[in-house]
Amino acid sequence: MNLLLDTHVALWAIVDSPKLTEKARELIQSPKTAVWISAASVWEIAIKHALARGDMPVASQDAVRYFRESGYRFLAVEAEHAVAVEGLPAHHNDPFDRILVAQALIEPMRLMTHDALVARYSDTIIKV
């Protein structure tokens, strides 16, 4: 399975957060799963860490290193992904989440999220 992690789930996975459910851990660690991180998530981490509000505890360069060390793959944002955002229903206004949904639907991949609004986009999205 190709599994695209939303930003929070990706960060929880690399810091072994108790917020990460057992179901999520099992899917991420399964030898049958290829775990993907979107370039949009790295961008989100960079922006929020630079704001220094305390809600993004790791710098983007550190996150990328941790993702690589964990064996995660990186997914570039392509023009087709950006175009697909336009056709999404207005369930969610966060541009980072919307591009992740579009990427998952276009590729196709299973998107893993903790956000109930994001999960409304498709029954292929895994809510943890």
N, C-alpha and C. Protein backbone atom coordinates (compact mmCIF):
# COMPACT_ATOMS: atom_id res chain seq x y z
N MET A 1 0.84 -1.18 0.00
CA MET A 1 0.00 0.00 0.00
C MET A 1 0.89 1.24 0.00
N ASN A 2 0.53 2.21 -0.79
CA ASN A 2 1.17 3.52 -0.77
C ASN A 2 0.40 4.41 0.19
N LEU A 3 1.08 4.84 1.25
CA LEU A 3 0.45 5.57 2.33
C LEU A 3 1.06 6.96 2.44
N LEU A 4 0.25 7.98 2.21
CA LEU A 4 0.67 9.37 2.33
C LEU A 4 0.27 9.86 3.71
N LEU A 5 1.24 10.33 4.48
CA LEU A 5 0.95 10.80 5.84
C LEU A 5 0.68 12.29 5.82
N ASP A 6 -0.37 12.72 6.54
CA ASP A 6 -0.55 14.16 6.69
C ASP A 6 0.55 14.67 7.62
N THR A 7 0.70 15.95 7.70
CA THR A 7 1.85 16.55 8.40
C THR A 7 1.90 16.14 9.87
N HIS A 8 0.77 16.22 10.55
CA HIS A 8 0.77 15.87 11.98
C HIS A 8 1.09 14.40 12.20
N VAL A 9 0.48 13.54 11.42
CA VAL A 9 0.73 12.10 11.57
C VAL A 9 2.21 11.80 11.28
N ALA A 10 2.77 12.45 10.27
CA ALA A 10 4.18 12.23 9.94
C ALA A 10 5.08 12.64 11.10
N LEU A 11 4.79 13.79 11.69
CA LEU A 11 5.60 14.25 12.82
C LEU A 11 5.42 13.34 14.03
N TRP A 12 4.19 12.91 14.28
CA TRP A 12 3.95 11.99 15.40
C TRP A 12 4.71 10.69 15.20
N ALA A 13 4.81 10.24 13.97
CA ALA A 13 5.50 8.98 13.68
C ALA A 13 7.00 9.09 13.96
N ILE A 14 7.61 10.20 13.58
CA ILE A 14 9.07 10.29 13.75
C ILE A 14 9.48 10.59 15.19
N VAL A 15 8.55 11.16 15.99
CA VAL A 15 8.89 11.43 17.39
C VAL A 15 8.28 10.38 18.33
N ASP A 16 7.64 9.37 17.74
CA ASP A 16 6.99 8.30 18.51
C ASP A 16 6.01 8.87 19.53
N SER A 17 5.17 9.77 19.06
CA SER A 17 4.18 10.44 19.92
C SER A 17 3.10 9.47 20.37
N PRO A 18 2.64 9.62 21.61
CA PRO A 18 1.50 8.82 22.07
C PRO A 18 0.20 9.18 21.34
N LYS A 19 0.19 10.28 20.62
CA LYS A 19 -0.99 10.66 19.82
C LYS A 19 -1.19 9.73 18.63
N LEU A 20 -0.13 9.04 18.23
CA LEU A 20 -0.21 8.12 17.09
C LEU A 20 -0.88 6.83 17.57
N THR A 21 -1.99 6.49 16.95
CA THR A 21 -2.75 5.31 17.37
C THR A 21 -2.02 4.02 17.02
N GLU A 22 -2.42 2.95 17.67
CA GLU A 22 -1.82 1.65 17.38
C GLU A 22 -2.09 1.25 15.93
N LYS A 23 -3.29 1.52 15.45
CA LYS A 23 -3.63 1.23 14.05
C LYS A 23 -2.69 1.95 13.10
N ALA A 24 -2.43 3.23 13.39
CA ALA A 24 -1.53 4.01 12.55
C ALA A 24 -0.12 3.43 12.58
N ARG A 25 0.36 3.10 13.76
CA ARG A 25 1.71 2.52 13.90
C ARG A 25 1.83 1.24 13.08
N GLU A 26 0.82 0.38 13.17
CA GLU A 26 0.87 -0.89 12.45
C GLU A 26 0.93 -0.67 10.94
N LEU A 27 0.11 0.25 10.43
CA LEU A 27 0.11 0.51 8.98
C LEU A 27 1.44 1.12 8.53
N ILE A 28 1.95 2.05 9.30
CA ILE A 28 3.21 2.71 8.95
C ILE A 28 4.37 1.72 8.97
N GLN A 29 4.38 0.82 9.93
CA GLN A 29 5.49 -0.11 10.10
C GLN A 29 5.35 -1.39 9.28
N SER A 30 4.22 -1.59 8.64
CA SER A 30 4.00 -2.80 7.87
C SER A 30 5.00 -2.90 6.71
N PRO A 31 5.58 -4.08 6.50
CA PRO A 31 6.49 -4.24 5.36
C PRO A 31 5.76 -4.10 4.02
N LYS A 32 4.44 -4.16 4.03
CA LYS A 32 3.65 -4.01 2.80
C LYS A 32 3.33 -2.55 2.49
N THR A 33 3.79 -1.63 3.34
CA THR A 33 3.46 -0.22 3.19
C THR A 33 4.67 0.59 2.74
N ALA A 34 4.48 1.37 1.69
CA ALA A 34 5.46 2.39 1.30
C ALA A 34 4.92 3.71 1.85
N VAL A 35 5.68 4.32 2.76
CA VAL A 35 5.24 5.55 3.41
C VAL A 35 5.78 6.76 2.64
N TRP A 36 4.88 7.69 2.37
CA TRP A 36 5.20 8.88 1.59
C TRP A 36 4.95 10.14 2.40
N ILE A 37 5.81 11.13 2.17
CA ILE A 37 5.66 12.47 2.75
C ILE A 37 5.61 13.45 1.58
N SER A 38 4.62 14.32 1.60
CA SER A 38 4.50 15.31 0.54
C SER A 38 5.47 16.46 0.77
N ALA A 39 5.98 17.00 -0.33
CA ALA A 39 6.78 18.22 -0.25
C ALA A 39 5.96 19.34 0.40
N ALA A 40 4.65 19.29 0.26
CA ALA A 40 3.78 20.30 0.90
C ALA A 40 3.86 20.20 2.42
N SER A 41 4.03 19.00 2.96
CA SER A 41 4.18 18.86 4.41
C SER A 41 5.50 19.46 4.89
N VAL A 42 6.55 19.27 4.12
CA VAL A 42 7.84 19.87 4.47
C VAL A 42 7.72 21.39 4.44
N TRP A 43 7.02 21.90 3.45
CA TRP A 43 6.78 23.34 3.33
C TRP A 43 5.98 23.84 4.54
N GLU A 44 4.95 23.11 4.93
CA GLU A 44 4.13 23.49 6.08
C GLU A 44 4.98 23.53 7.35
N ILE A 45 5.81 22.51 7.54
CA ILE A 45 6.68 22.47 8.71
C ILE A 45 7.62 23.69 8.71
N ALA A 46 8.20 24.00 7.56
CA ALA A 46 9.12 25.14 7.45
C ALA A 46 8.43 26.45 7.81
N ILE A 47 7.25 26.67 7.28
CA ILE A 47 6.51 27.91 7.54
C ILE A 47 6.15 28.01 9.02
N LYS A 48 5.57 26.96 9.57
CA LYS A 48 5.10 27.02 10.95
C LYS A 48 6.26 27.06 11.95
N HIS A 49 7.35 26.39 11.64
CA HIS A 49 8.51 26.45 12.55
C HIS A 49 9.12 27.84 12.54
N ALA A 50 9.19 28.47 11.37
CA ALA A 50 9.74 29.83 11.26
C ALA A 50 8.91 30.85 12.03
N LEU A 51 7.61 30.59 12.17
CA LEU A 51 6.75 31.51 12.92
C LEU A 51 7.03 31.46 14.42
N ALA A 52 7.68 30.38 14.87
CA ALA A 52 8.10 30.22 16.28
C ALA A 52 6.95 30.38 17.27
N ARG A 53 5.80 29.83 16.93
CA ARG A 53 4.64 29.89 17.84
C ARG A 53 4.64 28.73 18.82
N GLY A 54 5.55 27.79 18.63
CA GLY A 54 5.63 26.65 19.53
C GLY A 54 4.81 25.44 19.12
N ASP A 55 4.04 25.55 18.02
CA ASP A 55 3.21 24.43 17.58
C ASP A 55 3.92 23.52 16.57
N MET A 56 5.14 23.88 16.20
CA MET A 56 5.92 23.05 15.28
C MET A 56 7.30 22.86 15.90
N PRO A 57 7.46 21.78 16.66
CA PRO A 57 8.66 21.61 17.47
C PRO A 57 9.94 21.24 16.73
N VAL A 58 9.84 20.93 15.45
CA VAL A 58 11.02 20.49 14.71
C VAL A 58 11.19 21.34 13.45
N ALA A 59 12.42 21.69 13.14
CA ALA A 59 12.72 22.45 11.92
C ALA A 59 12.56 21.55 10.71
N SER A 60 12.29 22.16 9.57
CA SER A 60 12.06 21.38 8.35
C SER A 60 13.26 20.53 7.97
N GLN A 61 14.47 21.07 8.09
CA GLN A 61 15.65 20.28 7.71
C GLN A 61 15.81 19.06 8.62
N ASP A 62 15.46 19.20 9.90
CA ASP A 62 15.52 18.06 10.80
C ASP A 62 14.42 17.05 10.46
N ALA A 63 13.24 17.55 10.15
CA ALA A 63 12.13 16.66 9.78
C ALA A 63 12.50 15.85 8.55
N VAL A 64 13.08 16.49 7.54
CA VAL A 64 13.47 15.78 6.32
C VAL A 64 14.49 14.70 6.65
N ARG A 65 15.44 15.02 7.49
CA ARG A 65 16.45 14.02 7.88
C ARG A 65 15.79 12.85 8.59
N TYR A 66 14.88 13.13 9.53
CA TYR A 66 14.18 12.06 10.25
C TYR A 66 13.34 11.22 9.29
N PHE A 67 12.65 11.88 8.36
CA PHE A 67 11.83 11.14 7.38
C PHE A 67 12.72 10.20 6.56
N ARG A 68 13.85 10.72 6.10
CA ARG A 68 14.77 9.88 5.31
C ARG A 68 15.29 8.71 6.13
N GLU A 69 15.69 8.99 7.38
CA GLU A 69 16.21 7.93 8.25
C GLU A 69 15.15 6.85 8.51
N SER A 70 13.88 7.24 8.48
CA SER A 70 12.78 6.31 8.69
C SER A 70 12.43 5.53 7.42
N GLY A 71 13.06 5.89 6.31
CA GLY A 71 12.80 5.19 5.06
C GLY A 71 11.60 5.71 4.29
N TYR A 72 11.09 6.88 4.68
CA TYR A 72 9.94 7.44 3.99
C TYR A 72 10.37 8.00 2.65
N ARG A 73 9.44 8.01 1.70
CA ARG A 73 9.68 8.54 0.37
C ARG A 73 9.05 9.93 0.27
N PHE A 74 9.54 10.73 -0.65
CA PHE A 74 9.02 12.09 -0.82
C PHE A 74 8.22 12.20 -2.10
N LEU A 75 7.09 12.88 -2.00
CA LEU A 75 6.19 13.09 -3.14
C LEU A 75 6.20 14.57 -3.50
N ALA A 76 6.63 14.87 -4.72
CA ALA A 76 6.64 16.25 -5.21
C ALA A 76 5.21 16.71 -5.48
N VAL A 77 5.01 18.01 -5.41
CA VAL A 77 3.72 18.59 -5.80
C VAL A 77 3.80 18.87 -7.29
N GLU A 78 2.94 18.20 -8.04
CA GLU A 78 2.91 18.34 -9.50
C GLU A 78 1.74 19.25 -9.91
N ALA A 79 1.79 19.73 -11.12
CA ALA A 79 0.73 20.60 -11.63
C ALA A 79 -0.63 19.91 -11.55
N GLU A 80 -0.68 18.62 -11.83
CA GLU A 80 -1.95 17.88 -11.78
C GLU A 80 -2.54 17.87 -10.37
N HIS A 81 -1.68 17.83 -9.38
CA HIS A 81 -2.15 17.88 -7.99
C HIS A 81 -2.79 19.23 -7.70
N ALA A 82 -2.11 20.29 -8.13
CA ALA A 82 -2.63 21.64 -7.90
C ALA A 82 -3.97 21.85 -8.61
N VAL A 83 -4.08 21.36 -9.83
CA VAL A 83 -5.33 21.49 -10.58
C VAL A 83 -6.46 20.75 -9.87
N ALA A 84 -6.16 19.59 -9.30
CA ALA A 84 -7.19 18.78 -8.64
C ALA A 84 -7.77 19.47 -7.41
N VAL A 85 -7.02 20.35 -6.79
CA VAL A 85 -7.52 21.08 -5.62
C VAL A 85 -8.77 21.87 -5.97
N GLU A 86 -8.79 22.42 -7.17
CA GLU A 86 -9.92 23.26 -7.60
C GLU A 86 -11.25 22.49 -7.59
N GLY A 87 -11.20 21.22 -7.86
CA GLY A 87 -12.43 20.42 -7.93
C GLY A 87 -12.86 19.81 -6.61
N LEU A 88 -12.10 20.03 -5.55
CA LEU A 88 -12.47 19.45 -4.26
C LEU A 88 -13.61 20.22 -3.62
N PRO A 89 -14.52 19.52 -2.94
CA PRO A 89 -15.55 20.22 -2.18
C PRO A 89 -14.90 21.07 -1.08
N ALA A 90 -15.64 22.02 -0.57
CA ALA A 90 -15.10 22.96 0.42
C ALA A 90 -15.22 22.43 1.86
N HIS A 91 -14.89 21.15 2.06
CA HIS A 91 -14.94 20.59 3.42
C HIS A 91 -13.93 21.25 4.34
N HIS A 92 -12.82 21.68 3.78
CA HIS A 92 -11.69 22.14 4.58
C HIS A 92 -11.03 23.32 3.85
N ASN A 93 -10.60 24.32 4.59
CA ASN A 93 -10.00 25.49 3.96
C ASN A 93 -8.47 25.52 4.02
N ASP A 94 -7.87 24.61 4.77
CA ASP A 94 -6.42 24.63 4.91
C ASP A 94 -5.77 24.20 3.60
N PRO A 95 -4.95 25.06 2.98
CA PRO A 95 -4.37 24.72 1.67
C PRO A 95 -3.43 23.53 1.73
N PHE A 96 -2.73 23.32 2.85
CA PHE A 96 -1.84 22.17 2.95
C PHE A 96 -2.64 20.87 2.95
N ASP A 97 -3.71 20.84 3.73
CA ASP A 97 -4.54 19.64 3.76
C ASP A 97 -5.20 19.38 2.41
N ARG A 98 -5.63 20.43 1.74
CA ARG A 98 -6.30 20.26 0.45
C ARG A 98 -5.34 19.70 -0.61
N ILE A 99 -4.08 20.14 -0.60
CA ILE A 99 -3.14 19.58 -1.58
C ILE A 99 -2.82 18.13 -1.26
N LEU A 100 -2.77 17.78 0.03
CA LEU A 100 -2.53 16.38 0.40
C LEU A 100 -3.67 15.49 -0.09
N VAL A 101 -4.90 15.97 0.07
CA VAL A 101 -6.06 15.21 -0.41
C VAL A 101 -5.96 15.04 -1.92
N ALA A 102 -5.67 16.13 -2.63
CA ALA A 102 -5.57 16.06 -4.09
C ALA A 102 -4.48 15.09 -4.52
N GLN A 103 -3.33 15.14 -3.86
CA GLN A 103 -2.24 14.22 -4.20
C GLN A 103 -2.67 12.78 -4.00
N ALA A 104 -3.30 12.51 -2.87
CA ALA A 104 -3.71 11.13 -2.58
C ALA A 104 -4.72 10.63 -3.62
N LEU A 105 -5.63 11.48 -4.03
CA LEU A 105 -6.65 11.07 -4.99
C LEU A 105 -6.06 10.89 -6.39
N ILE A 106 -5.13 11.74 -6.78
CA ILE A 106 -4.55 11.68 -8.13
C ILE A 106 -3.59 10.50 -8.28
N GLU A 107 -2.79 10.20 -7.27
CA GLU A 107 -1.68 9.24 -7.43
C GLU A 107 -2.11 7.81 -7.79
N PRO A 108 -2.95 7.09 -7.26
CA PRO A 108 -3.67 7.21 -6.00
C PRO A 108 -2.86 6.62 -4.83
N MET A 109 -3.13 7.20 -3.67
CA MET A 109 -2.53 6.74 -2.42
C MET A 109 -3.61 6.79 -1.34
N ARG A 110 -3.34 6.12 -0.25
CA ARG A 110 -4.20 6.26 0.93
C ARG A 110 -3.61 7.37 1.78
N LEU A 111 -4.40 8.36 2.11
CA LEU A 111 -3.96 9.45 2.97
C LEU A 111 -4.33 9.10 4.40
N MET A 112 -3.38 9.22 5.32
CA MET A 112 -3.65 8.99 6.74
C MET A 112 -3.67 10.33 7.45
N THR A 113 -4.76 10.61 8.15
CA THR A 113 -4.94 11.90 8.82
C THR A 113 -5.60 11.70 10.18
N HIS A 114 -5.46 12.70 11.02
CA HIS A 114 -6.18 12.72 12.30
C HIS A 114 -7.37 13.67 12.20
N ASP A 115 -7.50 14.38 11.10
CA ASP A 115 -8.49 15.44 10.92
C ASP A 115 -9.78 14.90 10.31
N ALA A 116 -10.85 14.97 11.08
CA ALA A 116 -12.14 14.45 10.63
C ALA A 116 -12.65 15.18 9.38
N LEU A 117 -12.36 16.47 9.25
CA LEU A 117 -12.80 17.21 8.06
C LEU A 117 -12.07 16.71 6.81
N VAL A 118 -10.81 16.43 6.93
CA VAL A 118 -10.04 15.90 5.80
C VAL A 118 -10.58 14.53 5.40
N ALA A 119 -10.92 13.73 6.38
CA ALA A 119 -11.42 12.38 6.12
C ALA A 119 -12.73 12.39 5.33
N ARG A 120 -13.46 13.49 5.34
CA ARG A 120 -14.73 13.59 4.61
C ARG A 120 -14.55 13.56 3.10
N TYR A 121 -13.35 13.79 2.60
CA TYR A 121 -13.13 13.88 1.15
C TYR A 121 -13.29 12.56 0.42
N SER A 122 -12.95 11.45 1.08
CA SER A 122 -12.99 10.17 0.38
C SER A 122 -12.98 9.02 1.37
N ASP A 123 -13.61 7.93 0.98
CA ASP A 123 -13.58 6.75 1.83
C ASP A 123 -12.24 6.03 1.75
N THR A 124 -11.32 6.53 0.90
CA THR A 124 -9.98 5.97 0.84
C THR A 124 -9.04 6.64 1.84
N ILE A 125 -9.51 7.68 2.50
CA ILE A 125 -8.69 8.38 3.51
C ILE A 125 -8.83 7.63 4.83
N ILE A 126 -7.71 7.40 5.47
CA ILE A 126 -7.68 6.66 6.73
C ILE A 126 -7.64 7.67 7.88
N LYS A 127 -8.69 7.66 8.70
CA LYS A 127 -8.76 8.56 9.87
C LYS A 127 -8.24 7.81 11.07
N VAL A 128 -7.20 8.36 11.72
CA VAL A 128 -6.61 7.74 12.92
C VAL A 128 -6.68 8.69 14.10
